Amino acid sequence: MEWFEGLSEDDQRKVLRALVLFCGQARAREGDVPESIARFRHPPHPHAGGDADGNADG
């Protein structure tokens, strides 16, 4: 949680608001929260859909 505590108060609000929206859309349950936070911290690579060699994910 150091990364979160290191954010400005305004950025903390933005992160929490985004998590609320994500959880609401996914109909998340309490047990889903840690995974949601982990995904927010480590978003997919900008080239989602393929790896460095151009191969499709999956």
N, C-alpha and C. Protein backbone atom coordinates (compact mmCIF):
# COMPACT_ATOMS: atom_id res chain seq x y z
N MET A 1 0.81 -1.19 0.00
CA MET A 1 0.00 0.00 0.00
C MET A 1 0.85 1.26 0.00
N GLU A 2 2.19 1.10 0.01
CA GLU A 2 3.05 2.28 -0.03
C GLU A 2 2.77 3.14 -1.24
N TRP A 3 2.54 2.49 -2.38
CA TRP A 3 2.29 3.24 -3.61
C TRP A 3 1.06 4.12 -3.45
N PHE A 4 0.04 3.61 -2.78
CA PHE A 4 -1.20 4.36 -2.59
C PHE A 4 -0.97 5.52 -1.62
N GLU A 5 -0.31 5.24 -0.52
CA GLU A 5 -0.04 6.27 0.48
C GLU A 5 0.87 7.36 -0.07
N GLY A 6 1.67 7.03 -1.08
CA GLY A 6 2.56 8.01 -1.69
C GLY A 6 1.87 8.95 -2.66
N LEU A 7 0.62 8.64 -3.00
CA LEU A 7 -0.14 9.49 -3.92
C LEU A 7 -0.67 10.73 -3.20
N SER A 8 -0.93 11.77 -3.97
CA SER A 8 -1.56 12.96 -3.39
C SER A 8 -2.99 12.58 -2.97
N GLU A 9 -3.57 13.38 -2.12
CA GLU A 9 -4.94 13.12 -1.66
C GLU A 9 -5.91 13.06 -2.84
N ASP A 10 -5.71 13.95 -3.80
CA ASP A 10 -6.58 13.97 -4.99
C ASP A 10 -6.43 12.68 -5.80
N ASP A 11 -5.19 12.23 -5.98
CA ASP A 11 -4.97 10.99 -6.73
C ASP A 11 -5.51 9.78 -5.97
N GLN A 12 -5.41 9.78 -4.64
CA GLN A 12 -5.99 8.69 -3.86
C GLN A 12 -7.50 8.63 -4.09
N ARG A 13 -8.15 9.78 -4.12
CA ARG A 13 -9.60 9.81 -4.38
C ARG A 13 -9.91 9.23 -5.77
N LYS A 14 -9.10 9.60 -6.75
CA LYS A 14 -9.32 9.11 -8.11
C LYS A 14 -9.17 7.59 -8.18
N VAL A 15 -8.15 7.06 -7.50
CA VAL A 15 -7.93 5.61 -7.49
C VAL A 15 -9.11 4.90 -6.84
N LEU A 16 -9.54 5.41 -5.69
CA LEU A 16 -10.66 4.78 -4.99
C LEU A 16 -11.94 4.86 -5.82
N ARG A 17 -12.16 5.97 -6.47
CA ARG A 17 -13.35 6.11 -7.32
C ARG A 17 -13.31 5.10 -8.47
N ALA A 18 -12.15 4.95 -9.09
CA ALA A 18 -12.02 3.99 -10.19
C ALA A 18 -12.28 2.57 -9.69
N LEU A 19 -11.76 2.23 -8.51
CA LEU A 19 -11.99 0.90 -7.96
C LEU A 19 -13.46 0.66 -7.67
N VAL A 20 -14.14 1.68 -7.16
CA VAL A 20 -15.59 1.56 -6.89
C VAL A 20 -16.32 1.28 -8.20
N LEU A 21 -15.98 2.00 -9.24
CA LEU A 21 -16.64 1.79 -10.54
C LEU A 21 -16.34 0.40 -11.10
N PHE A 22 -15.08 -0.02 -11.03
CA PHE A 22 -14.71 -1.34 -11.53
C PHE A 22 -15.46 -2.44 -10.79
N CYS A 23 -15.48 -2.32 -9.46
CA CYS A 23 -16.14 -3.34 -8.65
C CYS A 23 -17.64 -3.36 -8.90
N GLY A 24 -18.24 -2.19 -9.07
CA GLY A 24 -19.68 -2.12 -9.34
C GLY A 24 -20.03 -2.74 -10.68
N GLN A 25 -19.21 -2.49 -11.68
CA GLN A 25 -19.47 -3.05 -13.00
C GLN A 25 -19.31 -4.56 -13.00
N ALA A 26 -18.37 -5.05 -12.22
CA ALA A 26 -18.09 -6.48 -12.20
C ALA A 26 -18.95 -7.23 -11.19
N ARG A 27 -19.75 -6.49 -10.45
CA ARG A 27 -20.54 -7.07 -9.37
C ARG A 27 -19.62 -7.86 -8.43
N ALA A 28 -18.52 -7.21 -8.09
CA ALA A 28 -17.50 -7.84 -7.27
C ALA A 28 -18.00 -8.10 -5.85
N ARG A 29 -17.38 -9.11 -5.27
CA ARG A 29 -17.64 -9.45 -3.87
C ARG A 29 -16.40 -9.10 -3.07
N GLU A 30 -16.51 -9.13 -1.77
CA GLU A 30 -15.40 -8.73 -0.90
C GLU A 30 -14.11 -9.49 -1.22
N GLY A 31 -14.22 -10.76 -1.54
CA GLY A 31 -13.05 -11.57 -1.85
C GLY A 31 -12.35 -11.18 -3.14
N ASP A 32 -13.01 -10.41 -4.00
CA ASP A 32 -12.44 -9.99 -5.27
C ASP A 32 -11.56 -8.75 -5.14
N VAL A 33 -11.65 -8.06 -4.01
CA VAL A 33 -10.97 -6.78 -3.85
C VAL A 33 -9.45 -6.89 -4.00
N PRO A 34 -8.77 -7.83 -3.34
CA PRO A 34 -7.31 -7.90 -3.49
C PRO A 34 -6.86 -8.06 -4.95
N GLU A 35 -7.56 -8.87 -5.71
CA GLU A 35 -7.18 -9.05 -7.13
C GLU A 35 -7.40 -7.76 -7.91
N SER A 36 -8.49 -7.08 -7.63
CA SER A 36 -8.77 -5.82 -8.30
C SER A 36 -7.67 -4.80 -8.04
N ILE A 37 -7.22 -4.72 -6.80
CA ILE A 37 -6.15 -3.79 -6.44
C ILE A 37 -4.86 -4.18 -7.15
N ALA A 38 -4.56 -5.47 -7.19
CA ALA A 38 -3.34 -5.93 -7.86
C ALA A 38 -3.38 -5.60 -9.35
N ARG A 39 -4.52 -5.78 -9.99
CA ARG A 39 -4.64 -5.47 -11.42
C ARG A 39 -4.51 -3.98 -11.67
N PHE A 40 -5.04 -3.17 -10.76
CA PHE A 40 -4.93 -1.72 -10.92
C PHE A 40 -3.48 -1.28 -10.81
N ARG A 41 -2.74 -1.92 -9.92
CA ARG A 41 -1.32 -1.59 -9.74
C ARG A 41 -0.49 -2.02 -10.92
N HIS A 42 -0.88 -3.11 -11.57
CA HIS A 42 -0.11 -3.67 -12.68
C HIS A 42 -1.03 -3.86 -13.89
N PRO A 43 -1.38 -2.76 -14.56
CA PRO A 43 -2.28 -2.89 -15.70
C PRO A 43 -1.64 -3.69 -16.84
N PRO A 44 -2.46 -4.18 -17.76
CA PRO A 44 -1.91 -4.94 -18.90
C PRO A 44 -0.94 -4.08 -19.71
N HIS A 45 -0.08 -4.74 -20.42
CA HIS A 45 0.86 -4.03 -21.28
C HIS A 45 0.09 -3.24 -22.34
N PRO A 46 0.65 -2.10 -22.79
CA PRO A 46 -0.05 -1.29 -23.79
C PRO A 46 -0.30 -2.02 -25.11
N HIS A 47 0.47 -3.06 -25.36
CA HIS A 47 0.30 -3.81 -26.60
C HIS A 47 -0.54 -5.06 -26.36
N ALA A 48 -1.52 -4.97 -25.48
CA ALA A 48 -2.37 -6.13 -25.17
C ALA A 48 -2.89 -6.75 -26.45
N GLY A 49 -2.89 -8.06 -26.49
CA GLY A 49 -3.35 -8.77 -27.68
C GLY A 49 -2.24 -9.52 -28.37
N GLY A 50 -1.01 -9.31 -27.94
CA GLY A 50 0.10 -10.03 -28.54
C GLY A 50 1.36 -9.85 -27.71
N ASP A 51 2.32 -10.74 -27.90
CA ASP A 51 3.55 -10.60 -27.16
C ASP A 51 4.60 -9.88 -28.00
N ALA A 52 5.81 -9.80 -27.50
CA ALA A 52 6.86 -9.06 -28.19
C ALA A 52 7.17 -9.63 -29.58
N ASP A 53 6.89 -10.93 -29.76
CA ASP A 53 7.14 -11.57 -31.05
C ASP A 53 5.97 -11.44 -32.01
N GLY A 54 4.90 -10.78 -31.55
CA GLY A 54 3.74 -10.61 -32.41
C GLY A 54 2.74 -11.74 -32.33
N ASN A 55 2.95 -12.70 -31.42
CA ASN A 55 2.04 -13.81 -31.27
C ASN A 55 0.82 -13.41 -30.47
N ALA A 56 -0.33 -13.87 -30.86
CA ALA A 56 -1.56 -13.54 -30.15
C ALA A 56 -1.57 -14.19 -28.78
N ASP A 57 -2.15 -13.48 -27.80
CA ASP A 57 -2.31 -14.06 -26.46
C ASP A 57 -3.32 -15.19 -26.52
N GLY A 58 -3.19 -16.10 -25.60
CA GLY A 58 -4.22 -17.11 -25.49
C GLY A 58 -3.71 -18.46 -25.56
